[in-house]
Protein backbone atom coordinates (compact mmCIF):
# COMPACT_ATOMS: atom_id res chain seq x y z
CA MET A 1 77.43 282.83 22.09
CA ASP A 2 75.20 280.31 24.31
CA LYS A 3 77.89 278.02 24.30
CA GLU A 4 80.37 280.75 25.70
CA LYS A 5 78.01 282.02 28.43
CA CYS A 6 77.09 278.35 29.26
CA THR A 7 80.97 278.44 30.23
CA GLU A 8 81.25 281.55 31.68
CA ASP A 9 78.22 280.74 34.11
CA TRP A 10 79.75 276.88 34.84
CA LEU A 11 82.88 278.93 35.90
CA TYR A 12 81.45 281.62 37.92
CA GLN A 13 79.25 279.05 39.83
CA LEU A 14 82.13 276.77 40.15
CA GLY A 15 84.68 279.75 41.12
CA GLN A 16 81.84 280.50 43.97
CA ILE A 17 81.77 276.70 45.24
CA LEU A 18 85.85 277.01 45.97
CA PHE A 19 85.59 280.30 47.57
CA TYR A 20 83.02 279.29 50.17
CA ILE A 21 84.41 275.77 50.77
CA GLY A 22 87.62 277.88 51.60
CA LEU A 23 85.41 280.03 53.93
CA VAL A 24 83.52 277.47 55.68
CA LEU A 25 87.10 276.00 56.15
CA GLU A 26 88.98 279.23 57.34
CA LEU A 27 86.20 279.87 60.10
CA LEU A 28 86.31 275.80 61.39
CA ILE A 29 89.72 276.44 62.14
CA VAL A 30 89.18 279.26 64.08
CA ILE A 31 86.84 277.89 65.64
CA ALA A 32 89.22 274.93 66.40
CA ASP A 33 91.98 277.17 67.40
CA LYS A 34 89.75 278.72 70.48
CA SER A 35 89.18 274.80 71.41
CA ALA A 36 91.62 273.20 74.06
CA TYR A 37 92.46 271.26 70.78
CA ILE A 38 95.47 271.13 69.35
CA ASN A 39 94.83 270.71 65.58
CA PRO A 40 97.94 269.19 64.15
CA TRP A 41 96.67 269.83 60.29
CA GLU A 42 96.41 273.46 60.56
CA GLY A 43 99.36 274.37 58.24
CA GLN A 44 97.96 271.85 55.99
CA LEU A 45 94.30 273.26 56.06
CA PHE A 46 95.55 276.78 55.63
CA ARG A 47 97.36 275.53 52.12
CA ILE A 48 93.75 274.04 51.24
CA THR A 49 92.22 277.11 51.46
CA PHE A 50 94.65 279.46 49.96
CA LEU A 51 94.13 276.97 47.23
CA LEU A 52 91.09 277.88 46.82
CA PHE A 53 90.65 280.88 46.62
CA LEU A 54 93.21 281.27 44.29
CA GLY A 55 91.31 278.67 42.49
CA LYS A 56 88.81 281.56 42.62
CA ILE A 57 90.59 284.06 41.52
CA CYS A 58 91.57 281.99 38.46
CA LEU A 59 88.24 281.40 37.89
CA THR A 60 87.11 285.37 38.08
CA ARG A 61 87.36 288.07 35.50
CA TYR A 62 89.28 291.02 36.76
CA SER A 63 90.43 294.39 34.54
CA PHE A 64 94.25 295.41 33.62
CA ARG A 65 94.25 297.18 36.48
CA GLU A 66 92.63 295.33 39.19
CA TRP A 67 95.16 292.65 37.87
CA LEU A 68 98.30 294.70 38.33
CA TRP A 69 97.22 295.87 42.04
CA MET A 70 96.79 292.12 42.49
CA LEU A 71 100.38 291.97 41.04
CA PHE A 72 101.65 294.28 43.12
CA PHE A 73 100.55 293.72 46.57
CA LEU A 74 101.60 289.89 46.17
CA ILE A 75 104.86 290.84 45.37
CA ILE A 76 105.02 292.92 48.42
CA ALA A 77 103.90 289.78 50.49
CA GLY A 78 105.77 287.52 48.57
CA THR A 79 108.41 289.52 49.82
CA CYS A 80 107.41 289.97 53.65
CA TYR A 81 107.41 285.89 53.16
CA LEU A 82 111.06 285.79 51.94
CA PHE A 83 112.01 287.89 54.80
CA SER A 84 109.90 286.76 57.58
CA GLY A 85 109.07 283.11 56.54
CA ARG A 86 105.10 283.86 57.80
CA ASP A 87 103.28 283.01 54.61
CA GLU A 88 99.71 284.67 55.87
CA ALA A 89 100.07 288.05 53.89
CA VAL A 90 100.20 286.39 50.80
CA ARG A 91 97.34 284.16 52.38
CA LEU A 92 95.74 287.64 52.97
CA VAL A 93 95.85 289.13 49.64
CA VAL A 94 94.65 286.13 47.76
CA PHE A 95 91.55 285.89 50.38
CA CYS A 96 90.68 289.35 50.02
CA ALA A 97 90.99 289.16 46.27
CA SER A 98 88.84 285.99 45.92
CA PHE A 99 86.08 288.21 47.12
CA LYS A 100 85.05 289.58 43.56
CA ASN A 101 81.68 289.00 42.78
CA VAL A 102 80.86 287.22 46.28
CA ASP A 103 77.77 288.39 48.01
CA LEU A 104 79.24 290.32 51.03
CA ARG A 105 76.41 290.17 53.39
CA LYS A 106 76.08 286.01 52.66
CA SER A 107 79.43 285.81 53.68
CA LEU A 108 79.04 287.70 56.59
CA GLN A 109 75.73 286.15 57.50
CA LEU A 110 77.83 282.58 56.90
CA ALA A 111 80.63 283.65 59.23
CA PHE A 112 78.25 284.85 61.53
CA PHE A 113 76.06 281.68 61.97
CA VAL A 114 79.31 279.41 61.57
CA THR A 115 81.35 281.21 64.39
CA LEU A 116 78.80 281.61 66.98
CA SER A 117 77.25 277.70 66.35
CA GLY A 118 81.14 276.79 67.10
CA CYS A 119 81.36 279.19 70.05
CA LEU A 120 77.76 277.73 71.27
CA LEU A 121 79.41 273.65 70.72
CA LEU A 122 82.88 275.11 72.68
CA VAL A 123 80.53 276.48 75.76
CA SER A 124 77.93 273.49 75.61
CA LEU A 125 81.13 270.96 75.95
CA ALA A 126 82.35 272.95 78.72
CA LEU A 127 79.88 273.02 80.53
CA THR A 128 79.09 269.64 80.77
CA GLY A 129 82.52 268.78 81.61
CA ILE A 130 83.24 266.36 78.12
CA PHE A 131 85.97 268.49 76.29
CA GLY A 132 87.88 272.28 77.42
CA GLN A 133 88.15 273.92 80.51
CA MET A 134 85.69 276.28 82.06
CA TYR A 135 88.16 278.23 84.17
CA ILE A 136 91.48 279.51 84.83
CA VAL A 137 93.85 280.28 87.86
CA ASP A 138 95.17 283.93 86.80
CA ALA A 139 98.46 284.48 87.47
CA GLY A 140 97.99 287.64 88.92
CA ASP A 141 96.06 288.59 91.85
CA ARG A 142 92.96 288.34 90.01
CA GLY A 143 91.92 284.82 91.03
CA ILE A 144 89.56 282.42 89.14
CA ARG A 145 88.65 283.30 85.69
CA TYR A 146 85.96 281.68 83.95
CA THR A 147 86.80 280.71 79.74
CA PHE A 148 83.68 278.84 79.00
CA GLY A 149 86.00 276.60 76.95
CA LEU A 150 87.65 278.63 75.00
CA GLY A 151 91.20 278.81 76.17
CA HIS A 152 90.88 282.09 78.12
CA PRO A 153 88.78 284.70 79.62
CA ASN A 154 89.55 287.36 76.91
CA ALA A 155 89.23 285.16 74.22
CA PHE A 156 85.62 284.42 74.94
CA PHE A 157 84.45 287.94 75.78
CA CYS A 158 86.83 288.91 72.72
CA MET A 159 84.44 286.42 70.73
CA PHE A 160 81.01 287.26 72.29
CA TRP A 161 81.91 290.98 71.54
CA VAL A 162 83.08 290.43 67.65
CA LEU A 163 79.38 288.20 67.41
CA VAL A 164 77.35 291.12 68.54
CA THR A 165 79.34 293.46 66.28
CA LEU A 166 78.59 291.30 63.49
CA GLY A 167 75.28 290.69 64.50
CA ILE A 168 74.10 294.53 64.60
CA TYR A 169 76.22 294.89 61.15
CA LEU A 170 73.79 292.31 59.75
CA TYR A 171 70.44 293.14 61.84
CA TRP A 172 70.90 296.57 62.59
CA ARG A 173 67.77 297.93 60.86
CA LYS A 174 65.14 295.14 62.84
CA MET A 175 67.19 296.07 66.00
CA LYS A 176 64.90 297.73 68.74
CA LEU A 177 66.55 299.71 71.59
CA TRP A 178 65.29 297.32 74.35
CA MET A 179 67.70 294.43 71.97
CA TYR A 180 70.70 296.69 72.75
CA GLY A 181 70.14 296.96 76.56
CA LEU A 182 69.92 293.49 76.37
CA LEU A 183 73.37 293.35 75.40
CA LEU A 184 74.48 295.16 77.39
CA ALA A 185 72.95 293.16 80.01
CA ALA A 186 74.91 289.79 79.05
CA GLY A 187 78.32 291.43 78.52
CA LEU A 188 77.93 293.11 82.55
CA ILE A 189 76.61 289.50 83.68
CA LEU A 190 79.58 287.98 81.17
CA PHE A 191 82.07 290.59 82.55
CA LEU A 192 81.64 289.41 86.12
CA PRO A 193 82.89 286.05 85.47
CA THR A 194 85.92 286.67 82.71
CA ASP A 195 86.79 289.48 84.45
CA SER A 196 87.64 290.98 80.92
CA ARG A 197 88.17 294.89 81.04
CA THR A 198 89.24 295.58 77.63
CA GLY A 199 86.67 293.26 76.36
CA VAL A 200 84.00 295.38 78.15
CA LEU A 201 85.51 298.97 77.60
CA ILE A 202 84.91 297.94 73.68
CA LEU A 203 81.28 296.15 74.21
CA VAL A 204 80.09 299.46 75.55
CA PHE A 205 81.79 300.93 72.56
CA THR A 206 80.40 299.24 70.27
CA LEU A 207 76.95 299.07 71.54
CA ALA A 208 77.14 303.59 72.38
CA PHE A 209 78.27 304.23 68.43
CA SER A 210 75.62 301.60 66.91
CA LEU A 211 73.38 303.75 68.67
CA PHE A 212 74.33 307.19 67.79
CA LEU A 213 74.54 306.05 64.27
CA THR A 214 70.92 304.46 63.99
CA TYR A 215 69.74 307.69 65.63
CA GLY A 216 71.43 310.30 64.14
CA ARG A 217 70.97 309.83 60.65
CA LYS A 218 71.80 313.46 59.69
CA ALA A 219 75.43 312.72 62.06
CA ARG A 220 76.16 309.39 60.43
CA ASP A 221 76.21 311.01 56.93
CA SER A 222 78.76 313.70 57.24
CA LYS A 223 82.25 313.07 56.08
CA TRP A 224 83.64 314.72 59.24
CA LEU A 225 82.29 311.83 60.78
CA TYR A 226 84.45 309.08 59.14
CA ILE A 227 87.51 311.67 58.97
CA ALA A 228 87.30 312.20 63.26
CA GLY A 229 87.88 308.05 63.19
CA ILE A 230 90.28 308.13 60.96
CA LEU A 231 92.16 310.16 62.61
CA LEU A 232 91.39 308.52 65.78
CA PHE A 233 92.98 305.09 63.93
CA PHE A 234 96.46 306.54 62.97
CA GLY A 235 96.43 308.02 66.58
CA CYS A 236 96.58 304.27 68.15
CA VAL A 237 99.36 303.54 65.51
CA GLY A 238 101.28 306.35 66.37
CA LEU A 239 100.81 305.67 69.87
CA SER A 240 101.56 302.53 69.46
CA ILE A 241 104.62 303.09 67.75
CA TRP A 242 105.96 305.97 70.35
CA ILE A 243 105.10 303.27 72.97
CA ALA A 244 107.72 300.78 70.80
CA CYS A 245 110.33 303.10 70.77
CA TYR A 246 111.08 302.62 74.66
CA GLU A 247 113.51 300.21 76.39
CA PRO A 248 111.48 298.26 79.17
CA TYR A 249 110.50 300.04 82.28
CA GLU A 250 111.43 303.52 80.33
CA GLY A 251 109.77 306.40 78.77
CA PRO A 252 106.73 307.81 79.79
CA PHE A 253 103.95 305.32 79.36
CA TYR A 254 105.89 302.68 81.71
CA PRO A 255 103.96 304.47 84.95
CA TYR A 256 100.61 303.59 83.39
CA ASP A 257 101.28 300.45 82.25
CA ARG A 258 98.66 299.23 84.60
CA PHE A 259 95.63 300.83 82.54
CA PHE A 260 97.20 299.07 79.94
CA THR A 261 96.60 296.14 82.02
CA GLY A 262 100.89 295.37 81.84
CA ARG A 263 100.49 294.91 78.17
CA ILE A 264 103.32 297.61 77.69
CA THR A 265 105.68 295.50 79.89
CA SER A 266 105.07 292.17 78.36
CA MET A 267 105.42 293.14 75.07
CA ASN A 268 109.17 294.33 75.73
CA THR A 269 110.40 292.82 78.42
CA LEU A 270 110.58 289.16 76.44
CA GLU A 271 114.20 288.04 75.25
CA GLY A 272 115.52 290.01 72.86
CA GLY A 273 113.17 293.25 73.39
CA GLY A 274 110.34 291.51 71.97
CA GLY A 275 108.26 293.93 69.60
CA ILE A 276 109.77 296.86 70.60
CA LEU A 277 111.18 299.76 67.55
CA ARG A 278 115.09 298.42 67.07
CA ASN A 279 113.25 294.82 66.68
CA TRP A 280 111.60 296.32 63.95
CA ARG A 281 112.80 295.86 59.56
CA LEU A 282 111.31 296.66 56.49
CA PHE A 283 109.99 293.54 55.54
CA SER A 284 110.78 291.51 59.07
CA ARG A 285 113.08 289.02 60.10
CA PRO A 286 112.27 285.05 60.84
CA GLU A 287 113.45 285.64 64.54
CA ASN A 288 110.53 288.23 64.99
CA ILE A 289 108.14 285.47 66.21
CA LYS A 290 107.49 285.99 69.77
CA TYR A 291 103.83 286.74 70.72
CA PHE A 292 102.15 289.56 72.68
CA ASP A 293 98.78 291.58 73.28
CA MET A 294 99.61 294.64 71.21
CA GLY A 295 98.57 294.15 68.15
CA TYR A 296 99.92 297.60 65.70
CA VAL A 297 103.53 296.77 67.84
CA ARG A 298 102.65 293.08 66.22
CA LEU A 299 102.04 294.08 62.79
CA PHE A 300 105.30 296.33 62.33
CA TYR A 301 106.95 293.28 64.20
CA TRP A 302 105.94 290.20 62.66
CA TYR A 303 105.19 291.26 59.06
CA GLY A 304 107.60 294.33 58.68
CA ILE A 305 107.09 298.56 58.47
CA ILE A 306 106.30 298.14 54.96
CA PRO A 307 103.65 295.95 54.86
CA GLY A 308 102.69 297.36 58.00
CA ALA A 309 102.39 300.65 56.52
CA LEU A 310 100.19 299.53 53.37
CA TYR A 311 98.01 298.23 55.84
CA VAL A 312 97.42 301.03 57.62
CA LEU A 313 96.60 303.13 54.57
CA LEU A 314 94.63 300.19 53.32
CA TYR A 315 92.36 299.88 56.56
CA ALA A 316 92.48 303.91 56.69
CA MET A 317 90.87 303.82 53.02
CA LEU A 318 88.23 301.58 53.81
CA MET A 319 87.13 303.78 56.38
CA TRP A 320 86.30 306.24 53.78
CA GLN A 321 84.90 303.69 51.69
CA CYS A 322 82.71 303.13 54.13
CA TYR A 323 81.06 306.70 54.15
CA LYS A 324 80.99 307.02 50.15
CA LYS A 325 78.68 303.65 50.25
CA LYS A 326 77.16 304.88 53.31
CA ASN A 327 77.85 301.85 55.18
CA TYR A 328 77.14 303.20 58.61
CA MET A 329 77.54 299.94 60.39
CA GLY A 330 81.27 298.66 58.82
CA PHE A 331 81.95 302.10 59.59
CA MET A 332 81.03 300.92 63.64
CA MET A 333 82.59 298.07 62.83
CA VAL A 334 85.98 298.63 61.28
CA LEU A 335 87.04 301.40 63.92
CA SER A 336 85.61 298.81 66.88
CA PHE A 337 88.23 296.67 65.23
CA ALA A 338 90.86 299.20 64.87
CA LEU A 339 90.31 300.57 68.36
CA TYR A 340 90.83 297.10 69.82
CA THR A 341 93.57 296.12 68.13
CA MET A 342 95.59 299.09 69.72
CA LEU A 343 95.53 296.72 73.09
CA GLU A 344 94.56 293.31 71.89
CA ALA A 345 95.98 291.41 68.99
CA HIS A 346 92.74 289.25 67.90
CA PHE A 347 93.01 290.58 64.21
CA ILE A 348 96.58 290.33 63.52
CA SER A 349 96.66 287.22 63.05
CA VAL A 350 97.18 283.88 60.91
CA TYR A 351 93.52 282.97 61.40
CA LEU A 352 92.15 285.38 58.47
CA GLY A 353 88.34 284.20 59.23
CA ARG A 354 88.22 286.20 62.41
CA ASN A 355 89.24 289.55 61.40
CA TYR A 356 85.78 290.57 59.16
CA ALA A 357 87.14 293.92 58.26
CA LEU A 358 88.81 291.66 55.94
CA PHE A 359 85.66 290.67 54.03
CA LEU A 360 84.94 294.58 53.65
CA LEU A 361 88.17 294.92 52.57
CA GLY A 362 87.89 292.29 49.94
CA ALA A 363 84.64 293.76 48.68
CA TYR A 364 85.72 297.21 48.54
CA TRP A 365 89.29 297.05 47.44
CA SER A 366 88.65 297.62 43.53
CA ASP A 367 86.50 300.68 43.93
CA MET A 368 89.25 301.85 46.63
CA LEU A 369 92.24 301.57 44.28
CA CYS A 370 90.72 301.50 41.08
CA PHE A 371 88.55 304.52 41.80
CA ARG A 372 86.23 302.95 39.89
CA LYS A 373 82.88 304.83 38.45
CA PRO A 374 79.87 303.69 36.27
CA PRO A 375 80.37 303.93 32.25
CA ALA A 376 79.08 306.86 30.73
CA GLU A 377 75.97 306.39 28.97
CA GLY A 378 77.25 305.03 25.54
CA MET A 379 80.18 303.66 26.52
CA GLN A 380 81.25 300.25 27.10
CA ASP A 381 81.83 298.31 30.08
CA ILE A 382 84.83 298.19 31.69
CA GLN A 383 87.07 295.17 29.95
CA GLU A 384 87.41 292.65 32.31
CA GLU A 385 89.45 288.69 31.62
CA TYR A 386 90.64 286.15 33.23
CA TRP A 387 94.13 285.14 33.59
CA TRP A 388 94.64 283.03 30.39
CA GLN A 389 92.86 286.40 28.54
CA SER A 390 94.95 288.83 29.23
CA TRP A 391 96.76 289.16 26.18
CA ARG A 392 93.42 291.07 25.12
CA PHE A 393 93.77 293.46 27.28
CA LEU A 394 96.54 294.55 24.23
CA GLY A 395 94.69 294.94 21.65
CA ARG A 396 91.77 296.72 22.70
CA LYS A 397 91.41 300.62 23.28
CA GLU A 398 89.51 301.04 26.87
CA THR A 399 86.19 303.06 26.09
CA SER A 400 84.43 303.21 29.48
CA GLY A 401 83.73 305.87 32.36
CA GLU A 402 87.17 305.22 33.66
CA PRO A 403 89.82 303.97 31.20
CA GLY A 404 91.36 300.84 32.76
CA CYS A 405 90.30 299.74 35.44
C-alpha cells in the first residue's frame, strides 16, 4: 500500500511539473508573438506544449464520465482539424482537460507575472531603442499611434487591460478604491498615445463592474445578474451572426460601421467574402484562414458552426458556474472577455496562454459537465482511474453521491 501511495505521489508531482512547463512555454509564446520577433519554431513549440499537457492528462486520474467527455470533445476537435487543418481546437481540449488537480489561483498568478514581466521587457527594449518599434503611422486619419514595442497600439492597450483584469481577479479583496482610480487614470493616459478606443471603453467597463461587484454585496449574489450577463453574451454572439449575414456595404449595420471602427467592412470585403456567413461550414474548411477583428465571426469562420456553438454553450455554462462557485471576479473577467470578443479577436487565436477564461474553464469543466456533488455520508468517493486502469470501471458498481461521475 505504501509503495502504491508513493507511486501515486510521484505520478502527481511529475504531472504537475509537465503542466507548469507547458504553461510557461505557452505564455512565452504569447510574449514572443507580441514582439517584433518572428518565431520560426512556433509550430514546434505548440507541439511540445500539446505533448506536455497530454502527458499531464496521462498521469492524472479521471472519472468515467470525465473520460467520456474528453473523448467527445476530442472527436469534435479532431473533426474540426480534419476539415479545417487547424489544430488549436485539439490543443484547447487537452489544455483545459489537463487542469484537473491544478491550483487555479497559482496558475493564474504565474500567467500574470510571466506576462507582466514579458510586456515590461518589450516596452523597455522599445523605449531604449534596442528592439521593437515605438510607434506606427496609421493608414487612416489617426496619424502616429504608439505601440511601445508590442506591434500595434490596440495590442499594447489590450495587454494593459488584460493584465489589469487579471490583477483585479487575483487581488480584488486587497484593493482600495484609490487603486481603481489609479488604474483608470493610467488607462486614460495610455489612451492618448495609442488612441485605442475599444480598449479604453472595455477598461472602463471592467473597472466599473469590478467596483459594482466589490461593493454590491447583495447584487453579486443574485442569480439574475449572472443570467443578465449570459443573455448579454448571447446577444453579442447573435449580433455578430446577424452582421455576418450581409454582403459588403449592405444591411442595417453598414451605416454605423464607423462606430465599429470599420470592423464590419474590413471583415466582409476580404477576398472571397472573408467571414461572411456564406463562407461558414459545419467544421470549417482549409480556405477559411483570413484574419479580421470580429471575434465571434472568426470563431465560426475558422473552426466551424458546430465547434463554435459548443464553445458558446460552454462559455455560458462557465458564467453560470461562476455564480455557483461565488467567483465574483471570475464572472467579471469572463463577461469582460465576452464583450471584448465581439469587436476584437484577441481571445480567438492559436495562443491559448492569453485567454484566461480557458483557465477557469479548465478548472470548472468537470463540475459543469458532470454535475459533480460531494458524496453522501457513508458513500464511497467517485471512482477515478488512470487511462491504463480504465478497465476497472467495468468491474465496480458506483455508490457515490453522483453515480458514474
